[in-house]
Amino acid sequence: MEIQGTIKKIDETKTFGNNGFRKREVVLTTEEQYPQHILVEFVQDKTDLLNSYSVGQQVKISINIRGREWTNPQGEVKYFNSIQGWRIESIQSDASPEGMPPVPPMEAFEPADNLKEEDHDDLPF
């Protein structure tokens, strides 16, 4: 699965327990009629993937949804869900619609008045 949006917040990498379990969280704001603020976790070696990203960037994150069961001390069973990221990539905001390459700036084109009179009628028929 994938989720797209703008990075709202990136936390620092946190280490838990004696085994050195690492986790880093990012909040992504979706771009839809009612924007959602989605927390995505990156764990272990995947925490380093966030190093080259910053708040405000538009990204696409590949995710897995994880669920777990927990029984509290009173014997009640609770369920928890988490969204775990495993890949992140920047979305080019200046990409043209329909996959067309961007048009060069006007300065890259030679003005039409520099053409010679005979250049306009060089068709072979």
N, C-alpha and C. Protein backbone atom coordinates (compact mmCIF):
# COMPACT_ATOMS: atom_id res chain seq x y z
N MET A 1 0.84 -1.18 0.00
CA MET A 1 0.00 0.00 0.00
C MET A 1 0.89 1.24 0.00
N GLU A 2 0.31 2.33 -0.46
CA GLU A 2 1.04 3.60 -0.48
C GLU A 2 0.15 4.71 0.04
N ILE A 3 0.80 5.72 0.59
CA ILE A 3 0.11 6.91 1.08
C ILE A 3 0.91 8.12 0.62
N GLN A 4 0.20 9.17 0.20
CA GLN A 4 0.87 10.38 -0.28
C GLN A 4 0.42 11.58 0.53
N GLY A 5 1.32 12.54 0.65
CA GLY A 5 0.98 13.77 1.35
C GLY A 5 2.21 14.61 1.61
N THR A 6 2.03 15.58 2.50
CA THR A 6 3.09 16.51 2.86
C THR A 6 3.58 16.19 4.27
N ILE A 7 4.89 16.18 4.45
CA ILE A 7 5.45 15.89 5.78
C ILE A 7 5.13 17.05 6.72
N LYS A 8 4.45 16.72 7.81
CA LYS A 8 4.10 17.73 8.82
C LYS A 8 5.11 17.73 9.96
N LYS A 9 5.62 16.53 10.30
CA LYS A 9 6.53 16.42 11.44
C LYS A 9 7.40 15.18 11.26
N ILE A 10 8.67 15.30 11.64
CA ILE A 10 9.58 14.15 11.67
C ILE A 10 10.23 14.12 13.05
N ASP A 11 10.03 13.02 13.78
CA ASP A 11 10.64 12.87 15.10
C ASP A 11 12.06 12.35 14.97
N GLU A 12 12.78 12.46 16.06
CA GLU A 12 14.13 11.89 16.15
C GLU A 12 14.02 10.38 16.33
N THR A 13 15.08 9.67 16.02
CA THR A 13 15.11 8.22 16.22
C THR A 13 15.19 7.94 17.72
N LYS A 14 14.33 7.03 18.18
CA LYS A 14 14.31 6.64 19.59
C LYS A 14 14.71 5.17 19.70
N THR A 15 15.48 4.85 20.73
CA THR A 15 15.93 3.48 20.95
C THR A 15 15.26 2.94 22.21
N PHE A 16 14.77 1.69 22.15
CA PHE A 16 14.05 1.08 23.27
C PHE A 16 14.69 -0.24 23.65
N GLY A 17 14.68 -0.54 24.95
CA GLY A 17 15.10 -1.84 25.46
C GLY A 17 16.57 -2.15 25.32
N ASN A 18 16.95 -3.31 25.83
CA ASN A 18 18.34 -3.76 25.81
C ASN A 18 18.78 -4.23 24.42
N ASN A 19 17.83 -4.56 23.58
CA ASN A 19 18.16 -5.05 22.23
C ASN A 19 18.44 -3.92 21.25
N GLY A 20 18.19 -2.68 21.64
CA GLY A 20 18.46 -1.55 20.76
C GLY A 20 17.43 -1.36 19.67
N PHE A 21 16.17 -1.72 19.94
CA PHE A 21 15.10 -1.53 18.97
C PHE A 21 14.97 -0.04 18.67
N ARG A 22 15.00 0.32 17.37
CA ARG A 22 14.94 1.73 16.97
C ARG A 22 13.62 2.01 16.26
N LYS A 23 13.07 3.21 16.53
CA LYS A 23 11.82 3.63 15.90
C LYS A 23 11.87 5.13 15.65
N ARG A 24 11.33 5.52 14.49
CA ARG A 24 11.25 6.94 14.15
C ARG A 24 9.89 7.18 13.51
N GLU A 25 9.23 8.25 13.93
CA GLU A 25 7.88 8.52 13.46
C GLU A 25 7.85 9.77 12.59
N VAL A 26 6.97 9.73 11.58
CA VAL A 26 6.75 10.87 10.70
C VAL A 26 5.23 11.06 10.60
N VAL A 27 4.79 12.32 10.60
CA VAL A 27 3.37 12.63 10.42
C VAL A 27 3.20 13.19 9.01
N LEU A 28 2.30 12.57 8.28
CA LEU A 28 2.02 12.94 6.89
C LEU A 28 0.61 13.53 6.82
N THR A 29 0.46 14.69 6.19
CA THR A 29 -0.86 15.29 5.99
C THR A 29 -1.30 14.99 4.56
N THR A 30 -2.43 14.30 4.43
CA THR A 30 -2.93 13.94 3.12
C THR A 30 -3.55 15.16 2.45
N GLU A 31 -3.65 15.09 1.13
CA GLU A 31 -4.21 16.19 0.35
C GLU A 31 -5.53 15.74 -0.25
N GLU A 32 -6.58 15.94 0.49
CA GLU A 32 -7.92 15.57 0.06
C GLU A 32 -8.91 16.57 0.65
N GLN A 33 -10.20 16.38 0.40
CA GLN A 33 -11.18 17.35 0.87
C GLN A 33 -11.09 17.54 2.38
N TYR A 34 -10.92 16.47 3.12
CA TYR A 34 -10.74 16.53 4.57
C TYR A 34 -9.38 15.95 4.90
N PRO A 35 -8.31 16.77 4.88
CA PRO A 35 -6.94 16.27 5.11
C PRO A 35 -6.83 15.50 6.43
N GLN A 36 -6.07 14.42 6.38
CA GLN A 36 -5.83 13.58 7.54
C GLN A 36 -4.36 13.68 7.94
N HIS A 37 -4.10 13.62 9.23
CA HIS A 37 -2.73 13.63 9.74
C HIS A 37 -2.43 12.19 10.16
N ILE A 38 -1.60 11.51 9.35
CA ILE A 38 -1.34 10.08 9.53
C ILE A 38 0.05 9.86 10.10
N LEU A 39 0.12 9.14 11.21
CA LEU A 39 1.40 8.79 11.83
C LEU A 39 1.93 7.51 11.20
N VAL A 40 3.15 7.56 10.68
CA VAL A 40 3.79 6.40 10.07
C VAL A 40 5.08 6.13 10.83
N GLU A 41 5.28 4.87 11.22
CA GLU A 41 6.50 4.47 11.95
C GLU A 41 7.50 3.84 10.99
N PHE A 42 8.75 4.18 11.17
CA PHE A 42 9.86 3.50 10.49
C PHE A 42 10.68 2.84 11.59
N VAL A 43 11.02 1.56 11.44
CA VAL A 43 11.72 0.83 12.50
C VAL A 43 13.05 0.27 12.02
N GLN A 44 13.92 0.05 13.00
CA GLN A 44 15.25 -0.52 12.81
C GLN A 44 16.03 0.24 11.74
N ASP A 45 16.57 -0.45 10.73
CA ASP A 45 17.41 0.22 9.73
C ASP A 45 16.61 1.16 8.83
N LYS A 46 15.30 1.04 8.80
CA LYS A 46 14.46 1.92 7.96
C LYS A 46 14.36 3.34 8.54
N THR A 47 14.77 3.53 9.80
CA THR A 47 14.72 4.88 10.38
C THR A 47 15.64 5.84 9.62
N ASP A 48 16.72 5.31 9.06
CA ASP A 48 17.67 6.15 8.32
C ASP A 48 17.10 6.70 7.02
N LEU A 49 16.03 6.09 6.51
CA LEU A 49 15.42 6.56 5.27
C LEU A 49 14.89 7.99 5.39
N LEU A 50 14.57 8.41 6.60
CA LEU A 50 14.00 9.75 6.82
C LEU A 50 15.05 10.85 6.91
N ASN A 51 16.33 10.49 6.94
CA ASN A 51 17.39 11.47 7.13
C ASN A 51 17.42 12.55 6.06
N SER A 52 17.06 12.21 4.83
CA SER A 52 17.18 13.19 3.74
C SER A 52 15.86 13.91 3.45
N TYR A 53 14.90 13.82 4.35
CA TYR A 53 13.61 14.49 4.15
C TYR A 53 13.39 15.53 5.23
N SER A 54 12.54 16.52 4.91
CA SER A 54 12.27 17.58 5.88
C SER A 54 10.79 17.97 5.83
N VAL A 55 10.38 18.71 6.83
CA VAL A 55 9.00 19.18 6.94
C VAL A 55 8.65 20.01 5.71
N GLY A 56 7.46 19.78 5.16
CA GLY A 56 6.98 20.53 4.01
C GLY A 56 7.16 19.81 2.69
N GLN A 57 7.95 18.76 2.65
CA GLN A 57 8.16 18.02 1.40
C GLN A 57 6.96 17.14 1.09
N GLN A 58 6.64 17.01 -0.19
CA GLN A 58 5.61 16.09 -0.63
C GLN A 58 6.26 14.75 -0.92
N VAL A 59 5.68 13.69 -0.32
CA VAL A 59 6.28 12.37 -0.44
C VAL A 59 5.23 11.30 -0.67
N LYS A 60 5.72 10.15 -1.11
CA LYS A 60 4.91 8.94 -1.21
C LYS A 60 5.61 7.90 -0.34
N ILE A 61 4.86 7.30 0.58
CA ILE A 61 5.42 6.31 1.50
C ILE A 61 4.76 4.97 1.25
N SER A 62 5.58 3.94 1.07
CA SER A 62 5.08 2.57 0.95
C SER A 62 4.93 2.04 2.37
N ILE A 63 3.75 1.47 2.67
CA ILE A 63 3.43 1.09 4.05
C ILE A 63 2.91 -0.33 4.16
N ASN A 64 3.00 -0.84 5.37
CA ASN A 64 2.32 -2.07 5.78
C ASN A 64 1.49 -1.72 7.01
N ILE A 65 0.30 -2.29 7.11
CA ILE A 65 -0.53 -2.08 8.30
C ILE A 65 -0.30 -3.27 9.22
N ARG A 66 0.04 -2.97 10.46
CA ARG A 66 0.32 -4.00 11.47
C ARG A 66 -0.74 -3.94 12.57
N GLY A 67 -1.07 -5.09 13.11
CA GLY A 67 -2.02 -5.16 14.22
C GLY A 67 -1.51 -6.13 15.27
N ARG A 68 -1.86 -5.85 16.53
CA ARG A 68 -1.45 -6.78 17.58
C ARG A 68 -2.49 -6.83 18.68
N GLU A 69 -2.47 -7.91 19.40
CA GLU A 69 -3.39 -8.15 20.50
C GLU A 69 -2.62 -8.03 21.80
N TRP A 70 -3.27 -7.43 22.82
CA TRP A 70 -2.63 -7.27 24.13
C TRP A 70 -3.68 -7.49 25.21
N THR A 71 -3.31 -8.22 26.23
CA THR A 71 -4.19 -8.45 27.36
C THR A 71 -3.69 -7.62 28.53
N ASN A 72 -4.53 -6.73 29.05
CA ASN A 72 -4.11 -5.86 30.16
C ASN A 72 -4.16 -6.63 31.47
N PRO A 73 -3.64 -6.05 32.55
CA PRO A 73 -3.61 -6.76 33.84
C PRO A 73 -4.99 -7.18 34.36
N GLN A 74 -6.05 -6.52 33.91
CA GLN A 74 -7.40 -6.89 34.35
C GLN A 74 -7.98 -8.01 33.49
N GLY A 75 -7.23 -8.49 32.51
CA GLY A 75 -7.67 -9.59 31.67
C GLY A 75 -8.43 -9.17 30.42
N GLU A 76 -8.56 -7.87 30.21
CA GLU A 76 -9.25 -7.39 29.02
C GLU A 76 -8.32 -7.45 27.81
N VAL A 77 -8.86 -7.92 26.70
CA VAL A 77 -8.07 -8.01 25.47
C VAL A 77 -8.26 -6.72 24.68
N LYS A 78 -7.15 -6.12 24.30
CA LYS A 78 -7.16 -4.88 23.51
C LYS A 78 -6.43 -5.14 22.20
N TYR A 79 -6.80 -4.36 21.17
CA TYR A 79 -6.17 -4.48 19.86
C TYR A 79 -5.60 -3.13 19.45
N PHE A 80 -4.42 -3.17 18.87
CA PHE A 80 -3.73 -1.96 18.44
C PHE A 80 -3.29 -2.11 16.99
N ASN A 81 -3.39 -1.01 16.25
CA ASN A 81 -2.94 -0.98 14.86
C ASN A 81 -1.80 0.01 14.73
N SER A 82 -0.92 -0.24 13.79
CA SER A 82 0.13 0.73 13.48
C SER A 82 0.38 0.70 11.98
N ILE A 83 0.87 1.80 11.48
CA ILE A 83 1.23 1.93 10.07
C ILE A 83 2.74 1.99 10.01
N GLN A 84 3.33 1.02 9.33
CA GLN A 84 4.78 0.91 9.29
C GLN A 84 5.29 1.20 7.87
N GLY A 85 6.17 2.20 7.76
CA GLY A 85 6.74 2.55 6.47
C GLY A 85 7.97 1.73 6.17
N TRP A 86 8.18 1.42 4.89
CA TRP A 86 9.38 0.68 4.50
C TRP A 86 10.08 1.32 3.31
N ARG A 87 9.45 2.32 2.69
CA ARG A 87 10.10 3.07 1.61
C ARG A 87 9.46 4.45 1.56
N ILE A 88 10.27 5.46 1.22
CA ILE A 88 9.76 6.82 1.08
C ILE A 88 10.45 7.44 -0.14
N GLU A 89 9.67 8.18 -0.92
CA GLU A 89 10.24 8.87 -2.08
C GLU A 89 9.57 10.22 -2.25
N SER A 90 10.34 11.16 -2.75
CA SER A 90 9.85 12.52 -2.97
C SER A 90 8.95 12.54 -4.20
N ILE A 91 7.92 13.36 -4.12
CA ILE A 91 7.02 13.57 -5.27
C ILE A 91 7.42 14.90 -5.88
N GLN A 92 7.69 14.89 -7.18
CA GLN A 92 8.06 16.12 -7.88
C GLN A 92 6.83 16.98 -8.02
N SER A 93 6.79 18.12 -7.35
CA SER A 93 5.62 18.99 -7.41
C SER A 93 5.54 19.74 -8.73
N ASP A 94 6.67 19.83 -9.47
CA ASP A 94 6.64 20.56 -10.72
C ASP A 94 6.46 19.65 -11.93
N ALA A 95 6.03 18.42 -11.70
CA ALA A 95 5.82 17.50 -12.81
C ALA A 95 4.61 17.94 -13.62
N SER A 96 4.71 17.80 -14.91
CA SER A 96 3.63 18.20 -15.80
C SER A 96 2.53 17.15 -15.79
N PRO A 97 1.30 17.54 -16.09
CA PRO A 97 0.21 16.57 -16.13
C PRO A 97 0.40 15.56 -17.25
N GLU A 98 -0.20 14.40 -17.07
CA GLU A 98 -0.20 13.32 -18.05
C GLU A 98 1.20 12.82 -18.38
N GLY A 99 2.17 13.00 -17.50
CA GLY A 99 3.50 12.46 -17.69
C GLY A 99 4.33 13.16 -18.74
N MET A 100 3.91 14.31 -19.19
CA MET A 100 4.67 15.05 -20.20
C MET A 100 5.88 15.70 -19.55
N PRO A 101 7.01 15.78 -20.26
CA PRO A 101 8.18 16.44 -19.68
C PRO A 101 7.92 17.94 -19.56
N PRO A 102 8.61 18.62 -18.64
CA PRO A 102 8.40 20.05 -18.48
C PRO A 102 8.86 20.82 -19.71
N VAL A 103 8.21 21.95 -19.98
CA VAL A 103 8.56 22.79 -21.12
C VAL A 103 9.71 23.71 -20.71
N PRO A 104 10.75 23.83 -21.57
CA PRO A 104 11.87 24.73 -21.23
C PRO A 104 11.38 26.18 -21.14
N PRO A 105 12.11 27.02 -20.40
CA PRO A 105 11.71 28.42 -20.29
C PRO A 105 11.80 29.13 -21.64
N MET A 106 11.07 30.23 -21.78
CA MET A 106 11.01 30.98 -23.05
C MET A 106 12.40 31.40 -23.53
N GLU A 107 13.32 31.68 -22.60
CA GLU A 107 14.66 32.13 -22.97
C GLU A 107 15.42 31.08 -23.77
N ALA A 108 15.01 29.83 -23.69
CA ALA A 108 15.70 28.75 -24.39
C ALA A 108 15.38 28.71 -25.88
N PHE A 109 14.35 29.44 -26.29
CA PHE A 109 13.93 29.43 -27.69
C PHE A 109 14.44 30.67 -28.42
N GLU A 110 14.81 30.47 -29.69
CA GLU A 110 15.26 31.58 -30.53
C GLU A 110 14.03 32.32 -31.05
N PRO A 111 14.03 33.65 -31.01
CA PRO A 111 12.87 34.40 -31.52
C PRO A 111 12.62 34.09 -32.99
N ALA A 112 11.36 34.09 -33.39
CA ALA A 112 10.97 33.75 -34.76
C ALA A 112 11.43 34.80 -35.76
N ASP A 113 11.64 36.05 -35.36
CA ASP A 113 12.03 37.09 -36.30
C ASP A 113 13.47 36.94 -36.77
N ASN A 114 14.24 36.01 -36.22
CA ASN A 114 15.61 35.76 -36.66
C ASN A 114 15.66 34.82 -37.86
N LEU A 115 14.52 34.30 -38.28
CA LEU A 115 14.49 33.39 -39.42
C LEU A 115 14.63 34.17 -40.72
N LYS A 116 15.32 33.57 -41.67
CA LYS A 116 15.45 34.17 -43.00
C LYS A 116 14.17 33.93 -43.79
N GLU A 117 13.90 34.80 -44.75
CA GLU A 117 12.68 34.70 -45.55
C GLU A 117 12.59 33.36 -46.28
N GLU A 118 13.70 32.85 -46.80
CA GLU A 118 13.66 31.61 -47.56
C GLU A 118 13.49 30.39 -46.67
N ASP A 119 13.71 30.49 -45.34
CA ASP A 119 13.59 29.35 -44.43
C ASP A 119 12.14 28.91 -44.24
N HIS A 120 11.19 29.80 -44.48
CA HIS A 120 9.80 29.43 -44.21
C HIS A 120 9.20 28.55 -45.31
N ASP A 121 9.85 28.47 -46.48
CA ASP A 121 9.29 27.71 -47.59
C ASP A 121 10.25 26.61 -48.05
N ASP A 122 10.69 25.77 -47.08
CA ASP A 122 11.64 24.74 -47.45
C ASP A 122 11.01 23.35 -47.51
N LEU A 123 9.70 23.27 -47.69
CA LEU A 123 9.03 21.99 -47.80
C LEU A 123 9.39 21.32 -49.13
N PRO A 124 9.54 19.99 -49.17
CA PRO A 124 9.99 19.30 -50.38
C PRO A 124 8.90 19.16 -51.44
N PHE A 125 7.72 19.61 -51.27
CA PHE A 125 6.66 19.46 -52.29
C PHE A 125 6.01 20.78 -52.62
